PDB file of N, CA and C in Angstrom:
ATOM      1  N   UNK A   1     140.836  73.294  50.913  1.00  0.00           N
ATOM      2  CA  UNK A   1     141.723  72.802  51.954  1.00  0.00           C
ATOM      3  C   UNK A   1     142.776  71.908  51.324  1.00  0.00           C
ATOM      4  N   UNK A   2     144.011  72.113  51.689  1.00  0.00           N
ATOM      5  CA  UNK A   2     145.124  71.381  51.106  1.00  0.00           C
ATOM      6  C   UNK A   2     145.683  70.366  52.089  1.00  0.00           C
ATOM      7  N   UNK A   3     146.206  69.273  51.546  1.00  0.00           N
ATOM      8  CA  UNK A   3     146.877  68.258  52.366  1.00  0.00           C
ATOM      9  C   UNK A   3     148.287  68.696  52.743  1.00  0.00           C
ATOM     10  N   UNK A   4     148.737  69.788  52.159  1.00  0.00           N
ATOM     11  CA  UNK A   4     150.115  70.241  52.334  1.00  0.00           C
ATOM     12  C   UNK A   4     150.159  71.513  53.151  1.00  0.00           C
ATOM     13  N   UNK A   5     150.943  71.489  54.218  1.00  0.00           N
ATOM     14  CA  UNK A   5     151.129  72.695  55.029  1.00  0.00           C
ATOM     15  C   UNK A   5     152.156  73.592  54.343  1.00  0.00           C
ATOM     16  N   UNK A   6     152.228  74.827  54.795  1.00  0.00           N
ATOM     17  CA  UNK A   6     153.213  75.756  54.234  1.00  0.00           C
ATOM     18  C   UNK A   6     154.632  75.234  54.449  1.00  0.00           C
ATOM     19  N   UNK A   7     154.878  74.606  55.605  1.00  0.00           N
ATOM     20  CA  UNK A   7     156.206  74.060  55.894  1.00  0.00           C
ATOM     21  C   UNK A   7     156.561  72.924  54.936  1.00  0.00           C
ATOM     22  N   UNK A   8     155.557  72.094  54.632  1.00  0.00           N
ATOM     23  CA  UNK A   8     155.795  70.986  53.705  1.00  0.00           C
ATOM     24  C   UNK A   8     156.138  71.510  52.312  1.00  0.00           C
ATOM     25  N   UNK A   9     155.410  72.527  51.876  1.00  0.00           N
ATOM     26  CA  UNK A   9     155.656  73.108  50.552  1.00  0.00           C
ATOM     27  C   UNK A   9     157.041  73.747  50.513  1.00  0.00           C
ATOM     28  N   UNK A  10     157.409  74.435  51.582  1.00  0.00           N
ATOM     29  CA  UNK A  10     158.743  75.053  51.646  1.00  0.00           C
ATOM     30  C   UNK A  10     159.833  73.984  51.572  1.00  0.00           C
ATOM     31  N   UNK A  11     159.630  72.875  52.265  1.00  0.00           N
ATOM     32  CA  UNK A  11     160.602  71.777  52.232  1.00  0.00           C
ATOM     33  C   UNK A  11     160.688  71.173  50.833  1.00  0.00           C
ATOM     34  N   UNK A  12     159.566  71.092  50.151  1.00  0.00           N
ATOM     35  CA  UNK A  12     159.563  70.540  48.791  1.00  0.00           C
ATOM     36  C   UNK A  12     160.297  71.472  47.827  1.00  0.00           C
ATOM     37  N   UNK A  13     160.028  72.760  47.947  1.00  0.00           N
ATOM     38  CA  UNK A  13     160.651  73.736  47.049  1.00  0.00           C
ATOM     39  C   UNK A  13     162.147  73.836  47.311  1.00  0.00           C
ATOM     40  N   UNK A  14     162.550  73.634  48.554  1.00  0.00           N
ATOM     41  CA  UNK A  14     163.971  73.705  48.900  1.00  0.00           C
ATOM     42  C   UNK A  14     164.767  72.620  48.173  1.00  0.00           C
ATOM     43  N   UNK A  15     164.104  71.523  47.878  1.00  0.00           N
ATOM     44  CA  UNK A  15     164.757  70.437  47.143  1.00  0.00           C
ATOM     45  C   UNK A  15     164.327  70.569  45.682  1.00  0.00           C
ATOM     46  N   UNK A  16     165.183  71.073  44.849  1.00  0.00           N
ATOM     47  CA  UNK A  16     164.822  71.403  43.468  1.00  0.00           C
ATOM     48  C   UNK A  16     164.586  70.178  42.593  1.00  0.00           C
ATOM     49  N   UNK A  17     165.296  69.101  42.869  1.00  0.00           N
ATOM     50  CA  UNK A  17     165.187  67.903  42.032  1.00  0.00           C
ATOM     51  C   UNK A  17     164.634  66.753  42.862  1.00  0.00           C
ATOM     52  N   UNK A  18     163.610  66.081  42.360  1.00  0.00           N
ATOM     53  CA  UNK A  18     162.971  64.984  43.061  1.00  0.00           C
ATOM     54  C   UNK A  18     163.078  63.690  42.266  1.00  0.00           C
ATOM     55  N   UNK A  19     163.265  62.590  42.982  1.00  0.00           N
ATOM     56  CA  UNK A  19     163.249  61.273  42.348  1.00  0.00           C
ATOM     57  C   UNK A  19     162.043  60.507  42.882  1.00  0.00           C
ATOM     58  N   UNK A  20     161.745  59.400  42.249  1.00  0.00           N
ATOM     59  CA  UNK A  20     160.641  58.541  42.659  1.00  0.00           C
ATOM     60  C   UNK A  20     160.819  58.101  44.114  1.00  0.00           C
ATOM     61  N   UNK A  21     162.036  57.681  44.472  1.00  0.00           N
ATOM     62  CA  UNK A  21     162.315  57.214  45.829  1.00  0.00           C
ATOM     63  C   UNK A  21     162.149  58.337  46.852  1.00  0.00           C
ATOM     64  N   UNK A  22     162.629  59.529  46.514  1.00  0.00           N
ATOM     65  CA  UNK A  22     162.505  60.656  47.440  1.00  0.00           C
ATOM     66  C   UNK A  22     161.043  61.020  47.664  1.00  0.00           C
ATOM     67  N   UNK A  23     160.245  60.964  46.602  1.00  0.00           N
ATOM     68  CA  UNK A  23     158.821  61.273  46.736  1.00  0.00           C
ATOM     69  C   UNK A  23     158.139  60.250  47.643  1.00  0.00           C
ATOM     70  N   UNK A  24     158.517  58.993  47.520  1.00  0.00           N
ATOM     71  CA  UNK A  24     157.960  57.958  48.379  1.00  0.00           C
ATOM     72  C   UNK A  24     158.318  58.161  49.841  1.00  0.00           C
ATOM     73  N   UNK A  25     159.576  58.494  50.092  1.00  0.00           N
ATOM     74  CA  UNK A  25     160.023  58.745  51.463  1.00  0.00           C
ATOM     75  C   UNK A  25     159.307  59.954  52.067  1.00  0.00           C
ATOM     76  N   UNK A  26     159.178  61.014  51.285  1.00  0.00           N
ATOM     77  CA  UNK A  26     158.498  62.218  51.763  1.00  0.00           C
ATOM     78  C   UNK A  26     157.040  61.901  52.095  1.00  0.00           C
ATOM     79  N   UNK A  27     156.404  61.119  51.237  1.00  0.00           N
ATOM     80  CA  UNK A  27     155.014  60.742  51.464  1.00  0.00           C
ATOM     81  C   UNK A  27     154.843  59.942  52.742  1.00  0.00           C
ATOM     82  N   UNK A  28     155.710  58.953  52.948  1.00  0.00           N
ATOM     83  CA  UNK A  28     155.629  58.134  54.167  1.00  0.00           C
ATOM     84  C   UNK A  28     155.844  58.980  55.419  1.00  0.00           C
ATOM     85  N   UNK A  29     156.798  59.882  55.354  1.00  0.00           N
ATOM     86  CA  UNK A  29     157.120  60.719  56.515  1.00  0.00           C
ATOM     87  C   UNK A  29     155.984  61.679  56.859  1.00  0.00           C
ATOM     88  N   UNK A  30     155.168  62.041  55.861  1.00  0.00           N
ATOM     89  CA  UNK A  30     154.130  63.045  56.083  1.00  0.00           C
ATOM     90  C   UNK A  30     152.710  62.501  55.936  1.00  0.00           C
ATOM     91  N   UNK A  31     152.569  61.190  55.817  1.00  0.00           N
ATOM     92  CA  UNK A  31     151.238  60.592  55.717  1.00  0.00           C
ATOM     93  C   UNK A  31     150.531  60.889  54.411  1.00  0.00           C
ATOM     94  N   UNK A  32     151.288  60.973  53.325  1.00  0.00           N
ATOM     95  CA  UNK A  32     150.733  61.260  52.007  1.00  0.00           C
ATOM     96  C   UNK A  32     151.023  60.104  51.065  1.00  0.00           C
ATOM     97  N   UNK A  33     150.216  59.971  50.026  1.00  0.00           N
ATOM     98  CA  UNK A  33     150.470  58.920  49.044  1.00  0.00           C
ATOM     99  C   UNK A  33     151.568  59.348  48.086  1.00  0.00           C
ATOM    100  N   UNK A  34     152.213  58.380  47.490  1.00  0.00           N
ATOM    101  CA  UNK A  34     153.277  58.645  46.512  1.00  0.00           C
ATOM    102  C   UNK A  34     152.740  59.466  45.348  1.00  0.00           C
ATOM    103  N   UNK A  35     151.593  59.076  44.817  1.00  0.00           N
ATOM    104  CA  UNK A  35     150.997  59.790  43.682  1.00  0.00           C
ATOM    105  C   UNK A  35     150.728  61.246  44.032  1.00  0.00           C
ATOM    106  N   UNK A  36     150.255  61.483  45.250  1.00  0.00           N
ATOM    107  CA  UNK A  36     149.964  62.850  45.671  1.00  0.00           C
ATOM    108  C   UNK A  36     151.230  63.694  45.708  1.00  0.00           C
ATOM    109  N   UNK A  37     152.301  63.129  46.242  1.00  0.00           N
ATOM    110  CA  UNK A  37     153.563  63.867  46.332  1.00  0.00           C
ATOM    111  C   UNK A  37     154.097  64.172  44.935  1.00  0.00           C
ATOM    112  N   UNK A  38     154.053  63.182  44.048  1.00  0.00           N
ATOM    113  CA  UNK A  38     154.537  63.390  42.670  1.00  0.00           C
ATOM    114  C   UNK A  38     153.720  64.485  41.990  1.00  0.00           C
ATOM    115  N   UNK A  39     152.404  64.445  42.168  1.00  0.00           N
ATOM    116  CA  UNK A  39     151.542  65.465  41.564  1.00  0.00           C
ATOM    117  C   UNK A  39     151.863  66.858  42.110  1.00  0.00           C
ATOM    118  N   UNK A  40     152.119  66.939  43.412  1.00  0.00           N
ATOM    119  CA  UNK A  40     152.439  68.232  44.022  1.00  0.00           C
ATOM    120  C   UNK A  40     153.787  68.750  43.515  1.00  0.00           C
ATOM    121  N   UNK A  41     154.763  67.861  43.412  1.00  0.00           N
ATOM    122  CA  UNK A  41     156.085  68.244  42.897  1.00  0.00           C
ATOM    123  C   UNK A  41     155.940  68.825  41.496  1.00  0.00           C
ATOM    124  N   UNK A  42     155.161  68.157  40.662  1.00  0.00           N
ATOM    125  CA  UNK A  42     154.970  68.628  39.287  1.00  0.00           C
ATOM    126  C   UNK A  42     154.189  69.936  39.254  1.00  0.00           C
ATOM    127  N   UNK A  43     153.174  70.062  40.121  1.00  0.00           N
ATOM    128  CA  UNK A  43     152.379  71.296  40.120  1.00  0.00           C
ATOM    129  C   UNK A  43     153.191  72.492  40.614  1.00  0.00           C
ATOM    130  N   UNK A  44     154.206  72.223  41.429  1.00  0.00           N
ATOM    131  CA  UNK A  44     155.088  73.301  41.889  1.00  0.00           C
ATOM    132  C   UNK A  44     156.143  73.652  40.851  1.00  0.00           C
ATOM    133  N   UNK A  45     156.179  72.896  39.756  1.00  0.00           N
ATOM    134  CA  UNK A  45     157.138  73.168  38.689  1.00  0.00           C
ATOM    135  C   UNK A  45     158.542  72.696  39.001  1.00  0.00           C
ATOM    136  N   UNK A  46     158.662  71.765  39.941  1.00  0.00           N
ATOM    137  CA  UNK A  46     159.977  71.243  40.306  1.00  0.00           C
ATOM    138  C   UNK A  46     160.358  70.109  39.369  1.00  0.00           C
ATOM    139  N   UNK A  47     161.637  69.872  39.248  1.00  0.00           N
ATOM    140  CA  UNK A  47     162.123  68.820  38.365  1.00  0.00           C
ATOM    141  C   UNK A  47     161.874  67.459  39.012  1.00  0.00           C
ATOM    142  N   UNK A  48     161.282  66.538  38.251  1.00  0.00           N
ATOM    143  CA  UNK A  48     160.972  65.203  38.763  1.00  0.00           C
ATOM    144  C   UNK A  48     161.552  64.145  37.828  1.00  0.00           C
ATOM    145  N   UNK A  49     162.260  63.199  38.407  1.00  0.00           N
ATOM    146  CA  UNK A  49     162.838  62.092  37.647  1.00  0.00           C
ATOM    147  C   UNK A  49     162.067  60.819  37.997  1.00  0.00           C
ATOM    148  N   UNK A  50     161.294  60.259  37.045  1.00  0.00           N
ATOM    149  CA  UNK A  50     160.496  59.075  37.341  1.00  0.00           C
ATOM    150  C   UNK A  50     161.365  57.853  37.609  1.00  0.00           C
ATOM    151  N   UNK A  51     160.726  56.827  38.155  1.00  0.00           N
ATOM    152  CA  UNK A  51     161.498  55.627  38.452  1.00  0.00           C
ATOM    153  C   UNK A  51     162.024  55.030  37.155  1.00  0.00           C
ATOM    154  N   UNK A  52     163.168  54.374  37.211  1.00  0.00           N
ATOM    155  CA  UNK A  52     163.766  53.826  36.000  1.00  0.00           C
ATOM    156  C   UNK A  52     162.880  52.757  35.372  1.00  0.00           C
ATOM    157  N   UNK A  53     162.991  52.623  34.063  1.00  0.00           N
ATOM    158  CA  UNK A  53     162.212  51.624  33.345  1.00  0.00           C
ATOM    159  C   UNK A  53     162.647  50.228  33.770  1.00  0.00           C
ATOM    160  N   UNK A  54     161.706  49.307  33.684  1.00  0.00           N
ATOM    161  CA  UNK A  54     162.021  47.927  34.029  1.00  0.00           C
ATOM    162  C   UNK A  54     163.012  47.352  33.025  1.00  0.00           C
ATOM    163  N   UNK A  55     163.871  46.469  33.505  1.00  0.00           N
ATOM    164  CA  UNK A  55     164.831  45.799  32.639  1.00  0.00           C
ATOM    165  C   UNK A  55     164.822  44.307  32.946  1.00  0.00           C
ATOM    166  N   UNK A  56     165.323  43.522  31.991  1.00  0.00           N
ATOM    167  CA  UNK A  56     165.402  42.082  32.162  1.00  0.00           C
ATOM    168  C   UNK A  56     166.625  41.729  32.998  1.00  0.00           C
ATOM    169  N   UNK A  57     166.801  40.441  33.238  1.00  0.00           N
ATOM    170  CA  UNK A  57     167.958  39.983  34.004  1.00  0.00           C
ATOM    171  C   UNK A  57     169.262  40.332  33.295  1.00  0.00           C
ATOM    172  N   UNK A  58     169.199  40.431  31.973  1.00  0.00           N
ATOM    173  CA  UNK A  58     170.392  40.784  31.194  1.00  0.00           C
ATOM    174  C   UNK A  58     170.545  42.291  31.033  1.00  0.00           C
ATOM    175  N   UNK A  59     169.768  43.048  31.819  1.00  0.00           N
ATOM    176  CA  UNK A  59     169.811  44.506  31.807  1.00  0.00           C
ATOM    177  C   UNK A  59     169.392  45.103  30.462  1.00  0.00           C
ATOM    178  N   UNK A  60     168.450  44.435  29.805  1.00  0.00           N
ATOM    179  CA  UNK A  60     167.893  44.935  28.543  1.00  0.00           C
ATOM    180  C   UNK A  60     166.493  45.471  28.829  1.00  0.00           C
ATOM    181  N   UNK A  61     166.016  46.439  28.059  1.00  0.00           N
ATOM    182  CA  UNK A  61     164.667  46.953  28.275  1.00  0.00           C
ATOM    183  C   UNK A  61     163.617  45.860  28.034  1.00  0.00           C
ATOM    184  N   UNK A  62     162.519  45.921  28.758  1.00  0.00           N
ATOM    185  CA  UNK A  62     161.456  44.934  28.644  1.00  0.00           C
ATOM    186  C   UNK A  62     160.636  45.205  27.383  1.00  0.00           C
ATOM    187  N   UNK A  63     160.528  44.193  26.523  1.00  0.00           N
ATOM    188  CA  UNK A  63     159.686  44.252  25.342  1.00  0.00           C
ATOM    189  C   UNK A  63     158.751  43.055  25.437  1.00  0.00           C
ATOM    190  N   UNK A  64     157.450  43.294  25.389  1.00  0.00           N
ATOM    191  CA  UNK A  64     156.475  42.228  25.528  1.00  0.00           C
ATOM    192  C   UNK A  64     156.332  41.427  24.239  1.00  0.00           C
ATOM    193  N   UNK A  65     155.975  40.149  24.391  1.00  0.00           N
ATOM    194  CA  UNK A  65     155.777  39.291  23.235  1.00  0.00           C
ATOM    195  C   UNK A  65     154.685  39.855  22.327  1.00  0.00           C
ATOM    196  N   UNK A  66     153.644  40.438  22.922  1.00  0.00           N
ATOM    197  CA  UNK A  66     152.552  41.009  22.145  1.00  0.00           C
ATOM    198  C   UNK A  66     153.037  42.131  21.221  1.00  0.00           C
ATOM    199  N   UNK A  67     154.065  42.845  21.669  1.00  0.00           N
ATOM    200  CA  UNK A  67     154.620  43.916  20.836  1.00  0.00           C
ATOM    201  C   UNK A  67     155.326  43.328  19.613  1.00  0.00           C
ATOM    202  N   UNK A  68     156.068  42.226  19.800  1.00  0.00           N
ATOM    203  CA  UNK A  68     156.708  41.557  18.672  1.00  0.00           C
ATOM    204  C   UNK A  68     155.650  41.043  17.694  1.00  0.00           C
ATOM    205  N   UNK A  69     154.589  40.418  18.235  1.00  0.00           N
ATOM    206  CA  UNK A  69     153.528  39.865  17.392  1.00  0.00           C
ATOM    207  C   UNK A  69     152.873  40.977  16.575  1.00  0.00           C
ATOM    208  N   UNK A  70     152.560  42.083  17.194  1.00  0.00           N
ATOM    209  CA  UNK A  70     151.934  43.200  16.486  1.00  0.00           C
ATOM    210  C   UNK A  70     152.840  43.725  15.384  1.00  0.00           C
ATOM    211  N   UNK A  71     154.138  43.802  15.642  1.00  0.00           N
ATOM    212  CA  UNK A  71     155.081  44.280  14.641  1.00  0.00           C
ATOM    213  C   UNK A  71     155.171  43.318  13.459  1.00  0.00           C
ATOM    214  N   UNK A  72     155.212  42.026  13.749  1.00  0.00           N
ATOM    215  CA  UNK A  72     155.277  41.008  12.682  1.00  0.00           C
ATOM    216  C   UNK A  72     154.002  41.035  11.853  1.00  0.00           C
ATOM    217  N   UNK A  73     152.859  41.110  12.512  1.00  0.00           N
ATOM    218  CA  UNK A  73     151.595  41.126  11.789  1.00  0.00           C
ATOM    219  C   UNK A  73     151.448  42.387  10.940  1.00  0.00           C
ATOM    220  N   UNK A  74     151.943  43.500  11.427  1.00  0.00           N
ATOM    221  CA  UNK A  74     151.893  44.743  10.649  1.00  0.00           C
ATOM    222  C   UNK A  74     152.790  44.650   9.422  1.00  0.00           C
ATOM    223  N   UNK A  75     153.947  44.010   9.566  1.00  0.00           N
ATOM    224  CA  UNK A  75     154.887  43.909   8.441  1.00  0.00           C
ATOM    225  C   UNK A  75     154.415  42.926   7.381  1.00  0.00           C
ATOM    226  N   UNK A  76     153.754  41.850   7.818  1.00  0.00           N
ATOM    227  CA  UNK A  76     153.341  40.814   6.860  1.00  0.00           C
ATOM    228  C   UNK A  76     151.912  40.988   6.382  1.00  0.00           C
ATOM    229  N   UNK A  77     151.097  41.699   7.150  1.00  0.00           N
ATOM    230  CA  UNK A  77     149.697  41.854   6.786  1.00  0.00           C
ATOM    231  C   UNK A  77     148.869  40.609   7.080  1.00  0.00           C
ATOM    232  N   UNK A  78     149.422  39.681   7.839  1.00  0.00           N
ATOM    233  CA  UNK A  78     148.747  38.430   8.173  1.00  0.00           C
ATOM    234  C   UNK A  78     148.556  38.371   9.683  1.00  0.00           C
ATOM    235  N   UNK A  79     147.330  38.072  10.109  1.00  0.00           N
ATOM    236  CA  UNK A  79     147.042  37.944  11.534  1.00  0.00           C
ATOM    237  C   UNK A  79     147.138  36.477  11.922  1.00  0.00           C
ATOM    238  N   UNK A  80     148.077  36.175  12.820  1.00  0.00           N
ATOM    239  CA  UNK A  80     148.284  34.802  13.285  1.00  0.00           C
ATOM    240  C   UNK A  80     148.255  34.826  14.816  1.00  0.00           C
ATOM    241  N   UNK A  81     147.095  34.542  15.417  1.00  0.00           N
ATOM    242  CA  UNK A  81     146.969  34.633  16.874  1.00  0.00           C
ATOM    243  C   UNK A  81     147.908  33.712  17.646  1.00  0.00           C
ATOM    244  N   UNK A  82     148.298  32.591  17.080  1.00  0.00           N
ATOM    245  CA  UNK A  82     149.135  31.647  17.810  1.00  0.00           C
ATOM    246  C   UNK A  82     150.600  32.077  17.891  1.00  0.00           C
ATOM    247  N   UNK A  83     150.972  33.173  17.255  1.00  0.00           N
ATOM    248  CA  UNK A  83     152.355  33.659  17.355  1.00  0.00           C
ATOM    249  C   UNK A  83     152.736  33.951  18.801  1.00  0.00           C
ATOM    250  N   UNK A  84     151.780  34.322  19.611  1.00  0.00           N
ATOM    251  CA  UNK A  84     152.054  34.664  21.004  1.00  0.00           C
ATOM    252  C   UNK A  84     152.628  33.468  21.764  1.00  0.00           C
ATOM    253  N   UNK A  85     152.376  32.268  21.268  1.00  0.00           N
ATOM    254  CA  UNK A  85     152.853  31.062  21.944  1.00  0.00           C
ATOM    255  C   UNK A  85     154.336  30.781  21.678  1.00  0.00           C
ATOM    256  N   UNK A  86     154.932  31.487  20.745  1.00  0.00           N
ATOM    257  CA  UNK A  86     156.355  31.320  20.468  1.00  0.00           C
ATOM    258  C   UNK A  86     157.177  31.939  21.591  1.00  0.00           C
ATOM    259  N   UNK A  87     158.430  31.537  21.691  1.00  0.00           N
ATOM    260  CA  UNK A  87     159.304  32.162  22.677  1.00  0.00           C
ATOM    261  C   UNK A  87     159.656  33.570  22.209  1.00  0.00           C
ATOM    262  N   UNK A  88     160.045  34.399  23.139  1.00  0.00           N
ATOM    263  CA  UNK A  88     160.394  35.778  22.797  1.00  0.00           C
ATOM    264  C   UNK A  88     161.610  35.814  21.872  1.00  0.00           C
ATOM    265  N   UNK A  89     162.563  34.913  22.099  1.00  0.00           N
ATOM    266  CA  UNK A  89     163.759  34.864  21.250  1.00  0.00           C
ATOM    267  C   UNK A  89     163.373  34.515  19.811  1.00  0.00           C
ATOM    268  N   UNK A  90     162.462  33.549  19.638  1.00  0.00           N
ATOM    269  CA  UNK A  90     162.021  33.174  18.294  1.00  0.00           C
ATOM    270  C   UNK A  90     161.242  34.304  17.636  1.00  0.00           C
ATOM    271  N   UNK A  91     160.425  34.997  18.408  1.00  0.00           N
ATOM    272  CA  UNK A  91     159.690  36.138  17.864  1.00  0.00           C
ATOM    273  C   UNK A  91     160.638  37.239  17.404  1.00  0.00           C
ATOM    274  N   UNK A  92     161.690  37.469  18.169  1.00  0.00           N
ATOM    275  CA  UNK A  92     162.668  38.487  17.791  1.00  0.00           C
ATOM    276  C   UNK A  92     163.363  38.098  16.487  1.00  0.00           C
ATOM    277  N   UNK A  93     163.721  36.813  16.358  1.00  0.00           N
ATOM    278  CA  UNK A  93     164.354  36.355  15.107  1.00  0.00           C
ATOM    279  C   UNK A  93     163.397  36.468  13.924  1.00  0.00           C
ATOM    280  N   UNK A  94     162.133  36.080  14.124  1.00  0.00           N
ATOM    281  CA  UNK A  94     161.142  36.171  13.054  1.00  0.00           C
ATOM    282  C   UNK A  94     160.900  37.623  12.673  1.00  0.00           C
ATOM    283  N   UNK A  95     160.861  38.478  13.660  1.00  0.00           N
ATOM    284  CA  UNK A  95     160.676  39.908  13.430  1.00  0.00           C
ATOM    285  C   UNK A  95     161.788  40.436  12.522  1.00  0.00           C
ATOM    286  N   UNK A  96     162.997  40.035  12.806  1.00  0.00           N
ATOM    287  CA  UNK A  96     164.149  40.443  12.001  1.00  0.00           C
ATOM    288  C   UNK A  96     164.082  39.839  10.599  1.00  0.00           C
ATOM    289  N   UNK A  97     163.671  38.570  10.510  1.00  0.00           N
ATOM    290  CA  UNK A  97     163.641  37.867   9.228  1.00  0.00           C
ATOM    291  C   UNK A  97     162.612  38.456   8.259  1.00  0.00           C
ATOM    292  N   UNK A  98     161.460  38.896   8.776  1.00  0.00           N
ATOM    293  CA  UNK A  98     160.436  39.449   7.888  1.00  0.00           C
ATOM    294  C   UNK A  98     160.598  40.948   7.684  1.00  0.00           C
ATOM    295  N   UNK A  99     161.603  41.511   8.324  1.00  0.00           N
ATOM    296  CA  UNK A  99     161.876  42.945   8.133  1.00  0.00           C
ATOM    297  C   UNK A  99     160.945  43.839   8.914  1.00  0.00           C
ATOM    298  N   UNK A 100     160.368  43.308   9.979  1.00  0.00           N
ATOM    299  CA  UNK A 100     159.467  44.115  10.809  1.00  0.00           C
ATOM    300  C   UNK A 100     160.298  45.000  11.737  1.00  0.00           C
ATOM    301  N   UNK A 101     159.727  46.133  12.122  1.00  0.00           N
ATOM    302  CA  UNK A 101     160.402  47.033  13.058  1.00  0.00           C
ATOM    303  C   UNK A 101     160.526  46.363  14.413  1.00  0.00           C
ATOM    304  N   UNK A 102     161.658  46.522  15.038  1.00  0.00           N
ATOM    305  CA  UNK A 102     161.822  46.003  16.387  1.00  0.00           C
ATOM    306  C   UNK A 102     160.995  46.890  17.317  1.00  0.00           C
ATOM    307  N   UNK A 103     160.127  46.277  18.132  1.00  0.00           N
ATOM    308  CA  UNK A 103     159.267  47.089  19.006  1.00  0.00           C
ATOM    309  C   UNK A 103     160.067  47.887  20.022  1.00  0.00           C
ATOM    310  N   UNK A 104     159.525  49.036  20.389  1.00  0.00           N
ATOM    311  CA  UNK A 104     160.130  49.903  21.413  1.00  0.00           C
ATOM    312  C   UNK A 104     159.829  49.327  22.788  1.00  0.00           C
ATOM    313  N   UNK A 105     160.767  49.403  23.705  1.00  0.00           N
ATOM    314  CA  UNK A 105     160.496  48.933  25.067  1.00  0.00           C
ATOM    315  C   UNK A 105     159.412  49.773  25.730  1.00  0.00           C
ATOM    316  N   UNK A 106     158.717  49.152  26.671  1.00  0.00           N
ATOM    317  CA  UNK A 106     157.662  49.865  27.404  1.00  0.00           C
ATOM    318  C   UNK A 106     158.245  50.729  28.455  1.00  0.00           C
TER     319      UNK A 106
END
């Protein structure tokens, strides 16, 4: 037994490209969860565009302090647990100074 009627599937297929917001609206209108709608869109082979990645107030990608610490520790071979207490700006400068790779945004 499926949560999706034939009419619902036809409406989904009629819209070839789906976004996160559209999936949420469709779910609310039909009493379905967002995750369920996204899964159905993907199982139907339709194009799905996930919600945009989080960004900071300066419109930069979010990079966690733990990622900077891991990169610094990998580059230096020294484990320093208290590095997490530094500011993110200082960690970024230290990362650059020791030649560690800049972490990828999440």
